């Protein structure tokens, strides 16, 4: 059985560059971002996002993040992919959950 870890996230950096733009408000951007985690997860994360902006404010945002620190007191590093639909831009603050296998006793 897996465990649940909760943490607050602080943004440490956001470098967004447009690499393609169309008339009508559509565009594609690339983001390098940095985060700090406090709580059950303690450490630093860095992510790469590919953002897709639609004229109506919706879009997609697939990402890959690398986290280094500790989760539940266990130190290490992990990387994960974040699906495009997990960060609904129109709804405001994102919420992410990671699922990892539990430890064998």
Protein backbone atom coordinates (compact mmCIF):
# COMPACT_ATOMS: atom_id res chain seq x y z
CA UNK A 1 0.00 0.00 0.00
CA UNK A 2 1.27 3.49 -0.85
CA UNK A 3 1.65 6.49 1.45
CA UNK A 4 0.43 10.08 1.09
CA UNK A 5 2.85 13.00 1.46
CA UNK A 6 1.65 16.59 1.70
CA UNK A 7 3.78 19.68 1.15
CA UNK A 8 3.54 23.37 0.37
CA UNK A 9 5.19 24.54 -2.81
CA UNK A 10 7.04 27.83 -3.34
CA UNK A 11 8.05 28.95 -6.80
CA UNK A 12 11.75 29.83 -7.02
CA UNK A 13 11.91 30.70 -10.71
CA UNK A 14 9.90 30.82 -13.93
CA UNK A 15 11.60 31.44 -17.28
CA UNK A 16 9.03 31.28 -20.10
CA UNK A 17 9.94 31.76 -23.76
CA UNK A 18 7.52 31.77 -26.70
CA UNK A 19 8.69 29.62 -29.59
CA UNK A 20 5.61 29.73 -31.85
CA UNK A 21 2.72 32.17 -32.09
CA UNK A 22 -0.30 32.48 -34.42
CA UNK A 23 -2.85 35.16 -35.18
CA UNK A 24 -5.84 34.97 -32.88
CA UNK A 25 -3.94 34.40 -29.64
CA UNK A 26 -2.64 30.85 -29.92
CA UNK A 27 0.95 30.26 -28.89
CA UNK A 28 3.41 27.64 -27.65
CA UNK A 29 5.98 28.35 -24.98
CA UNK A 30 8.79 26.55 -23.15
CA UNK A 31 9.26 27.05 -19.40
CA UNK A 32 12.14 26.24 -17.06
CA UNK A 33 10.87 26.47 -13.47
CA UNK A 34 12.22 25.89 -9.97
CA UNK A 35 10.36 25.01 -6.78
CA UNK A 36 10.96 24.51 -3.07
CA UNK A 37 8.90 21.99 -1.07
CA UNK A 38 8.20 22.09 2.69
CA UNK A 39 6.22 19.51 4.65
CA UNK A 40 6.27 15.72 4.21
CA UNK A 41 8.23 16.48 1.03
CA UNK A 42 11.28 18.66 1.75
CA UNK A 43 13.63 19.69 -1.02
CA UNK A 44 14.00 21.34 -4.40
CA UNK A 45 12.35 20.62 -7.74
CA UNK A 46 13.08 21.71 -11.28
CA UNK A 47 10.62 21.30 -14.14
CA UNK A 48 10.38 21.78 -17.88
CA UNK A 49 6.94 22.68 -19.24
CA UNK A 50 5.62 22.94 -22.78
CA UNK A 51 2.66 25.31 -22.57
CA UNK A 52 -0.10 25.62 -25.16
CA UNK A 53 -2.25 28.76 -24.98
CA UNK A 54 -5.69 28.96 -26.63
CA UNK A 55 -7.53 32.27 -27.24
CA UNK A 56 -10.20 31.34 -24.64
CA UNK A 57 -7.63 30.95 -21.83
CA UNK A 58 -7.54 27.16 -21.86
CA UNK A 59 -4.54 25.14 -22.88
CA UNK A 60 -2.30 22.23 -22.10
CA UNK A 61 0.84 22.05 -20.02
CA UNK A 62 2.69 18.71 -20.05
CA UNK A 63 5.81 18.76 -17.87
CA UNK A 64 8.65 16.71 -16.47
CA UNK A 65 9.86 17.49 -12.95
CA UNK A 66 12.91 16.30 -11.03
CA UNK A 67 12.67 16.44 -7.23
CA UNK A 68 15.64 16.04 -4.90
CA UNK A 69 15.21 15.95 -1.14
CA UNK A 70 13.27 13.77 1.26
CA UNK A 71 9.78 12.31 1.34
CA UNK A 72 8.54 11.09 4.71
CA UNK A 73 12.11 11.27 6.05
CA UNK A 74 13.61 9.15 3.23
CA UNK A 75 16.21 11.02 1.17
CA UNK A 76 16.67 10.67 -2.56
CA UNK A 77 15.61 11.96 -5.95
CA UNK A 78 12.77 11.20 -8.34
CA UNK A 79 11.45 12.41 -11.64
CA UNK A 80 7.88 12.36 -12.85
CA UNK A 81 5.85 13.42 -15.83
CA UNK A 82 2.90 15.72 -15.27
CA UNK A 83 0.05 15.19 -17.77
CA UNK A 84 -1.13 18.19 -19.80
CA UNK A 85 -4.61 18.18 -18.26
CA UNK A 86 -3.44 18.21 -14.60
CA UNK A 87 -2.92 21.98 -14.53
CA UNK A 88 -6.15 23.68 -15.62
CA UNK A 89 -4.96 27.27 -16.20
CA UNK A 90 -8.46 28.73 -15.94
CA UNK A 91 -8.97 27.28 -12.44
CA UNK A 92 -5.99 28.99 -10.78
CA UNK A 93 -3.69 27.23 -8.33
CA UNK A 94 -2.57 23.79 -9.47
CA UNK A 95 -2.61 20.75 -7.24
CA UNK A 96 -0.44 17.74 -8.01
CA UNK A 97 -0.33 14.30 -6.54
CA UNK A 98 2.42 11.74 -6.91
CA UNK A 99 1.84 8.06 -6.35
CA UNK A 100 4.75 5.82 -5.48
CA UNK A 101 4.75 2.19 -4.36
CA UNK A 102 4.90 1.56 -0.62
CA UNK A 103 7.82 -0.04 1.16
CA UNK A 104 8.00 -3.74 1.83
CA UNK A 105 8.11 -4.45 5.58
